Amino acid sequence: AVEILESVFNKNAPEATRIMLNVHKQGVGVCGVFTAEVAETKVAIVHHLARRRNFPLRCSMEEIS
């Protein structure tokens, strides 16, 4: 999961680790704020990579106000 955060969301290793630990401890982690089109693409990439590597990783997007 950390390598996906690094590659898809351009996070450095400590930041990717922090996000991953938030997901494990709190059930969610924020990877960034993007336009809807960019977010949709990143979600699709994450799901593709997770399936390919057999990671139980989910990614979603939500609108912020």
PDB file of N, CA and C in Angstrom:
ATOM      1  N   ALA A   1       0.823  -1.194   0.000  1.00  0.00           N
ATOM      2  CA  ALA A   1       0.000   0.000   0.000  1.00  0.00           C
ATOM      3  C   ALA A   1       0.864   1.255   0.000  1.00  0.00           C
ATOM      4  N   VAL A   2       1.953   1.234   0.720  1.00  0.00           N
ATOM      5  CA  VAL A   2       2.821   2.411   0.779  1.00  0.00           C
ATOM      6  C   VAL A   2       3.374   2.734  -0.603  1.00  0.00           C
ATOM      7  N   GLU A   3       3.776   1.717  -1.348  1.00  0.00           N
ATOM      8  CA  GLU A   3       4.339   1.994  -2.676  1.00  0.00           C
ATOM      9  C   GLU A   3       3.291   2.561  -3.631  1.00  0.00           C
ATOM     10  N   ILE A   4       2.033   2.161  -3.470  1.00  0.00           N
ATOM     11  CA  ILE A   4       0.971   2.737  -4.300  1.00  0.00           C
ATOM     12  C   ILE A   4       0.754   4.205  -3.924  1.00  0.00           C
ATOM     13  N   LEU A   5       0.768   4.504  -2.635  1.00  0.00           N
ATOM     14  CA  LEU A   5       0.637   5.908  -2.207  1.00  0.00           C
ATOM     15  C   LEU A   5       1.791   6.753  -2.743  1.00  0.00           C
ATOM     16  N   GLU A   6       2.975   6.179  -2.753  1.00  0.00           N
ATOM     17  CA  GLU A   6       4.135   6.904  -3.272  1.00  0.00           C
ATOM     18  C   GLU A   6       4.022   7.133  -4.775  1.00  0.00           C
ATOM     19  N   SER A   7       3.641   6.102  -5.513  1.00  0.00           N
ATOM     20  CA  SER A   7       3.651   6.213  -6.969  1.00  0.00           C
ATOM     21  C   SER A   7       2.433   6.939  -7.529  1.00  0.00           C
ATOM     22  N   VAL A   8       1.248   6.664  -7.012  1.00  0.00           N
ATOM     23  CA  VAL A   8       0.028   7.253  -7.573  1.00  0.00           C
ATOM     24  C   VAL A   8      -0.205   8.659  -7.035  1.00  0.00           C
ATOM     25  N   PHE A   9       0.094   8.862  -5.746  1.00  0.00           N
ATOM     26  CA  PHE A   9      -0.201  10.146  -5.122  1.00  0.00           C
ATOM     27  C   PHE A   9       1.041  10.992  -4.840  1.00  0.00           C
ATOM     28  N   ASN A  10       2.195  10.523  -5.313  1.00  0.00           N
ATOM     29  CA  ASN A  10       3.455  11.262  -5.173  1.00  0.00           C
ATOM     30  C   ASN A  10       3.791  11.606  -3.722  1.00  0.00           C
ATOM     31  N   LYS A  11       3.552  10.666  -2.826  1.00  0.00           N
ATOM     32  CA  LYS A  11       3.869  10.871  -1.413  1.00  0.00           C
ATOM     33  C   LYS A  11       5.266  10.336  -1.137  1.00  0.00           C
ATOM     34  N   ASN A  12       5.990  11.000  -0.231  1.00  0.00           N
ATOM     35  CA  ASN A  12       7.280  10.462   0.173  1.00  0.00           C
ATOM     36  C   ASN A  12       7.029   9.323   1.163  1.00  0.00           C
ATOM     37  N   ALA A  13       8.052   8.558   1.478  1.00  0.00           N
ATOM     38  CA  ALA A  13       7.883   7.359   2.301  1.00  0.00           C
ATOM     39  C   ALA A  13       7.272   7.650   3.671  1.00  0.00           C
ATOM     40  N   PRO A  14       7.750   8.668   4.408  1.00  0.00           N
ATOM     41  CA  PRO A  14       7.128   8.929   5.725  1.00  0.00           C
ATOM     42  C   PRO A  14       5.652   9.333   5.623  1.00  0.00           C
ATOM     43  N   GLU A  15       5.313  10.147   4.633  1.00  0.00           N
ATOM     44  CA  GLU A  15       3.929  10.569   4.474  1.00  0.00           C
ATOM     45  C   GLU A  15       3.039   9.390   4.053  1.00  0.00           C
ATOM     46  N   ALA A  16       3.535   8.568   3.137  1.00  0.00           N
ATOM     47  CA  ALA A  16       2.782   7.395   2.707  1.00  0.00           C
ATOM     48  C   ALA A  16       2.559   6.440   3.880  1.00  0.00           C
ATOM     49  N   THR A  17       3.557   6.279   4.707  1.00  0.00           N
ATOM     50  CA  THR A  17       3.438   5.414   5.887  1.00  0.00           C
ATOM     51  C   THR A  17       2.412   5.979   6.855  1.00  0.00           C
ATOM     52  N   ARG A  18       2.417   7.285   7.059  1.00  0.00           N
ATOM     53  CA  ARG A  18       1.451   7.930   7.956  1.00  0.00           C
ATOM     54  C   ARG A  18       0.020   7.710   7.456  1.00  0.00           C
ATOM     55  N   ILE A  19      -0.198   7.878   6.149  1.00  0.00           N
ATOM     56  CA  ILE A  19      -1.526   7.673   5.575  1.00  0.00           C
ATOM     57  C   ILE A  19      -1.951   6.216   5.748  1.00  0.00           C
ATOM     58  N   MET A  20      -1.038   5.301   5.471  1.00  0.00           N
ATOM     59  CA  MET A  20      -1.333   3.873   5.602  1.00  0.00           C
ATOM     60  C   MET A  20      -1.695   3.527   7.050  1.00  0.00           C
ATOM     61  N   LEU A  21      -0.984   4.083   8.007  1.00  0.00           N
ATOM     62  CA  LEU A  21      -1.293   3.817   9.415  1.00  0.00           C
ATOM     63  C   LEU A  21      -2.638   4.417   9.811  1.00  0.00           C
ATOM     64  N   ASN A  22      -2.976   5.590   9.265  1.00  0.00           N
ATOM     65  CA  ASN A  22      -4.298   6.174   9.513  1.00  0.00           C
ATOM     66  C   ASN A  22      -5.396   5.246   9.016  1.00  0.00           C
ATOM     67  N   VAL A  23      -5.178   4.657   7.845  1.00  0.00           N
ATOM     68  CA  VAL A  23      -6.166   3.727   7.287  1.00  0.00           C
ATOM     69  C   VAL A  23      -6.333   2.526   8.223  1.00  0.00           C
ATOM     70  N   HIS A  24      -5.233   1.994   8.703  1.00  0.00           N
ATOM     71  CA  HIS A  24      -5.307   0.819   9.576  1.00  0.00           C
ATOM     72  C   HIS A  24      -5.936   1.145  10.924  1.00  0.00           C
ATOM     73  N   LYS A  25      -5.626   2.306  11.476  1.00  0.00           N
ATOM     74  CA  LYS A  25      -6.114   2.655  12.813  1.00  0.00           C
ATOM     75  C   LYS A  25      -7.494   3.297  12.804  1.00  0.00           C
ATOM     76  N   GLN A  26      -7.776   4.151  11.803  1.00  0.00           N
ATOM     77  CA  GLN A  26      -9.014   4.922  11.800  1.00  0.00           C
ATOM     78  C   GLN A  26      -9.984   4.513  10.692  1.00  0.00           C
ATOM     79  N   GLY A  27      -9.519   3.661   9.787  1.00  0.00           N
ATOM     80  CA  GLY A  27     -10.377   3.199   8.713  1.00  0.00           C
ATOM     81  C   GLY A  27     -10.360   4.061   7.465  1.00  0.00           C
ATOM     82  N   VAL A  28      -9.706   5.227   7.531  1.00  0.00           N
ATOM     83  CA  VAL A  28      -9.618   6.097   6.358  1.00  0.00           C
ATOM     84  C   VAL A  28      -8.309   6.869   6.404  1.00  0.00           C
ATOM     85  N   GLY A  29      -7.885   7.307   5.230  1.00  0.00           N
ATOM     86  CA  GLY A  29      -6.718   8.171   5.103  1.00  0.00           C
ATOM     87  C   GLY A  29      -6.913   9.076   3.907  1.00  0.00           C
ATOM     88  N   VAL A  30      -6.519  10.320   4.035  1.00  0.00           N
ATOM     89  CA  VAL A  30      -6.669  11.284   2.945  1.00  0.00           C
ATOM     90  C   VAL A  30      -5.370  11.331   2.148  1.00  0.00           C
ATOM     91  N   CYS A  31      -5.510  11.090   0.835  1.00  0.00           N
ATOM     92  CA  CYS A  31      -4.342  11.066  -0.047  1.00  0.00           C
ATOM     93  C   CYS A  31      -4.136  12.383  -0.781  1.00  0.00           C
ATOM     94  N   GLY A  32      -5.174  13.209  -0.848  1.00  0.00           N
ATOM     95  CA  GLY A  32      -5.029  14.489  -1.520  1.00  0.00           C
ATOM     96  C   GLY A  32      -6.380  15.048  -1.919  1.00  0.00           C
ATOM     97  N   VAL A  33      -6.334  16.260  -2.450  1.00  0.00           N
ATOM     98  CA  VAL A  33      -7.521  16.943  -2.956  1.00  0.00           C
ATOM     99  C   VAL A  33      -7.279  17.217  -4.433  1.00  0.00           C
ATOM    100  N   PHE A  34      -8.185  16.726  -5.280  1.00  0.00           N
ATOM    101  CA  PHE A  34      -8.019  16.800  -6.726  1.00  0.00           C
ATOM    102  C   PHE A  34      -9.325  17.195  -7.382  1.00  0.00           C
ATOM    103  N   THR A  35      -9.241  17.590  -8.636  1.00  0.00           N
ATOM    104  CA  THR A  35     -10.467  17.778  -9.408  1.00  0.00           C
ATOM    105  C   THR A  35     -11.133  16.412  -9.546  1.00  0.00           C
ATOM    106  N   ALA A  36     -12.420  16.416  -9.860  1.00  0.00           N
ATOM    107  CA  ALA A  36     -13.158  15.152  -9.975  1.00  0.00           C
ATOM    108  C   ALA A  36     -12.522  14.226 -11.000  1.00  0.00           C
ATOM    109  N   GLU A  37     -12.110  14.777 -12.136  1.00  0.00           N
ATOM    110  CA  GLU A  37     -11.535  13.943 -13.195  1.00  0.00           C
ATOM    111  C   GLU A  37     -10.228  13.289 -12.752  1.00  0.00           C
ATOM    112  N   VAL A  38      -9.379  14.064 -12.099  1.00  0.00           N
ATOM    113  CA  VAL A  38      -8.096  13.520 -11.624  1.00  0.00           C
ATOM    114  C   VAL A  38      -8.351  12.474 -10.538  1.00  0.00           C
ATOM    115  N   ALA A  39      -9.276  12.769  -9.625  1.00  0.00           N
ATOM    116  CA  ALA A  39      -9.585  11.823  -8.549  1.00  0.00           C
ATOM    117  C   ALA A  39     -10.115  10.512  -9.112  1.00  0.00           C
ATOM    118  N   GLU A  40     -11.010  10.586 -10.094  1.00  0.00           N
ATOM    119  CA  GLU A  40     -11.550   9.367 -10.711  1.00  0.00           C
ATOM    120  C   GLU A  40     -10.442   8.529 -11.331  1.00  0.00           C
ATOM    121  N   THR A  41      -9.519   9.185 -11.994  1.00  0.00           N
ATOM    122  CA  THR A  41      -8.398   8.481 -12.618  1.00  0.00           C
ATOM    123  C   THR A  41      -7.520   7.816 -11.571  1.00  0.00           C
ATOM    124  N   LYS A  42      -7.216   8.532 -10.500  1.00  0.00           N
ATOM    125  CA  LYS A  42      -6.361   7.975  -9.450  1.00  0.00           C
ATOM    126  C   LYS A  42      -7.037   6.792  -8.762  1.00  0.00           C
ATOM    127  N   VAL A  43      -8.336   6.880  -8.513  1.00  0.00           N
ATOM    128  CA  VAL A  43      -9.074   5.766  -7.916  1.00  0.00           C
ATOM    129  C   VAL A  43      -8.990   4.548  -8.833  1.00  0.00           C
ATOM    130  N   ALA A  44      -9.183   4.751 -10.120  1.00  0.00           N
ATOM    131  CA  ALA A  44      -9.121   3.638 -11.077  1.00  0.00           C
ATOM    132  C   ALA A  44      -7.722   3.025 -11.107  1.00  0.00           C
ATOM    133  N   ILE A  45      -6.704   3.845 -11.065  1.00  0.00           N
ATOM    134  CA  ILE A  45      -5.318   3.338 -11.068  1.00  0.00           C
ATOM    135  C   ILE A  45      -5.054   2.524  -9.809  1.00  0.00           C
ATOM    136  N   VAL A  46      -5.474   3.035  -8.662  1.00  0.00           N
ATOM    137  CA  VAL A  46      -5.265   2.315  -7.398  1.00  0.00           C
ATOM    138  C   VAL A  46      -5.961   0.956  -7.441  1.00  0.00           C
ATOM    139  N   HIS A  47      -7.209   0.926  -7.899  1.00  0.00           N
ATOM    140  CA  HIS A  47      -7.927  -0.347  -7.960  1.00  0.00           C
ATOM    141  C   HIS A  47      -7.254  -1.326  -8.922  1.00  0.00           C
ATOM    142  N   HIS A  48      -6.791  -0.815 -10.041  1.00  0.00           N
ATOM    143  CA  HIS A  48      -6.092  -1.671 -11.009  1.00  0.00           C
ATOM    144  C   HIS A  48      -4.823  -2.269 -10.387  1.00  0.00           C
ATOM    145  N   LEU A  49      -4.002  -1.419  -9.765  1.00  0.00           N
ATOM    146  CA  LEU A  49      -2.752  -1.898  -9.169  1.00  0.00           C
ATOM    147  C   LEU A  49      -3.024  -2.857  -8.015  1.00  0.00           C
ATOM    148  N   ALA A  50      -4.033  -2.572  -7.212  1.00  0.00           N
ATOM    149  CA  ALA A  50      -4.352  -3.447  -6.078  1.00  0.00           C
ATOM    150  C   ALA A  50      -4.789  -4.824  -6.569  1.00  0.00           C
ATOM    151  N   ARG A  51      -5.639  -4.854  -7.593  1.00  0.00           N
ATOM    152  CA  ARG A  51      -6.074  -6.154  -8.147  1.00  0.00           C
ATOM    153  C   ARG A  51      -4.883  -6.914  -8.705  1.00  0.00           C
ATOM    154  N   ARG A  52      -4.036  -6.215  -9.459  1.00  0.00           N
ATOM    155  CA  ARG A  52      -2.891  -6.855 -10.093  1.00  0.00           C
ATOM    156  C   ARG A  52      -1.939  -7.453  -9.064  1.00  0.00           C
ATOM    157  N   ARG A  53      -1.826  -6.800  -7.900  1.00  0.00           N
ATOM    158  CA  ARG A  53      -0.890  -7.259  -6.868  1.00  0.00           C
ATOM    159  C   ARG A  53      -1.577  -8.031  -5.747  1.00  0.00           C
ATOM    160  N   ASN A  54      -2.881  -8.285  -5.919  1.00  0.00           N
ATOM    161  CA  ASN A  54      -3.654  -8.999  -4.899  1.00  0.00           C
ATOM    162  C   ASN A  54      -3.629  -8.315  -3.540  1.00  0.00           C
ATOM    163  N   PHE A  55      -3.668  -6.971  -3.542  1.00  0.00           N
ATOM    164  CA  PHE A  55      -3.751  -6.206  -2.312  1.00  0.00           C
ATOM    165  C   PHE A  55      -5.226  -6.010  -1.955  1.00  0.00           C
ATOM    166  N   PRO A  56      -5.587  -6.143  -0.687  1.00  0.00           N
ATOM    167  CA  PRO A  56      -6.972  -5.851  -0.279  1.00  0.00           C
ATOM    168  C   PRO A  56      -7.137  -4.351  -0.051  1.00  0.00           C
ATOM    169  N   LEU A  57      -6.905  -3.574  -1.073  1.00  0.00           N
ATOM    170  CA  LEU A  57      -6.869  -2.114  -0.957  1.00  0.00           C
ATOM    171  C   LEU A  57      -8.044  -1.511  -1.708  1.00  0.00           C
ATOM    172  N   ARG A  58      -8.745  -0.596  -1.043  1.00  0.00           N
ATOM    173  CA  ARG A  58      -9.839   0.125  -1.668  1.00  0.00           C
ATOM    174  C   ARG A  58      -9.519   1.611  -1.623  1.00  0.00           C
ATOM    175  N   CYS A  59     -10.050   2.314  -2.596  1.00  0.00           N
ATOM    176  CA  CYS A  59      -9.834   3.742  -2.687  1.00  0.00           C
ATOM    177  C   CYS A  59     -11.151   4.361  -3.143  1.00  0.00           C
ATOM    178  N   SER A  60     -11.474   5.503  -2.588  1.00  0.00           N
ATOM    179  CA  SER A  60     -12.711   6.170  -3.002  1.00  0.00           C
ATOM    180  C   SER A  60     -12.472   7.677  -3.007  1.00  0.00           C
ATOM    181  N   MET A  61     -13.435   8.358  -3.568  1.00  0.00           N
ATOM    182  CA  MET A  61     -13.365   9.811  -3.587  1.00  0.00           C
ATOM    183  C   MET A  61     -14.657  10.353  -3.016  1.00  0.00           C
ATOM    184  N   GLU A  62     -14.563  11.530  -2.442  1.00  0.00           N
ATOM    185  CA  GLU A  62     -15.764  12.176  -1.955  1.00  0.00           C
ATOM    186  C   GLU A  62     -15.643  13.669  -2.182  1.00  0.00           C
ATOM    187  N   GLU A  63     -16.767  14.281  -2.368  1.00  0.00           N
ATOM    188  CA  GLU A  63     -16.793  15.719  -2.616  1.00  0.00           C
ATOM    189  C   GLU A  63     -16.636  16.448  -1.283  1.00  0.00           C
ATOM    190  N   ILE A  64     -15.828  17.496  -1.317  1.00  0.00           N
ATOM    191  CA  ILE A  64     -15.683  18.324  -0.127  1.00  0.00           C
ATOM    192  C   ILE A  64     -16.381  19.653  -0.378  1.00  0.00           C
ATOM    193  N   SER A  65     -16.828  20.260   0.689  1.00  0.00           N
ATOM    194  CA  SER A  65     -17.521  21.542   0.510  1.00  0.00           C
ATOM    195  C   SER A  65     -16.743  22.678   1.114  1.00  0.00           C
TER     196      SER A  65
END
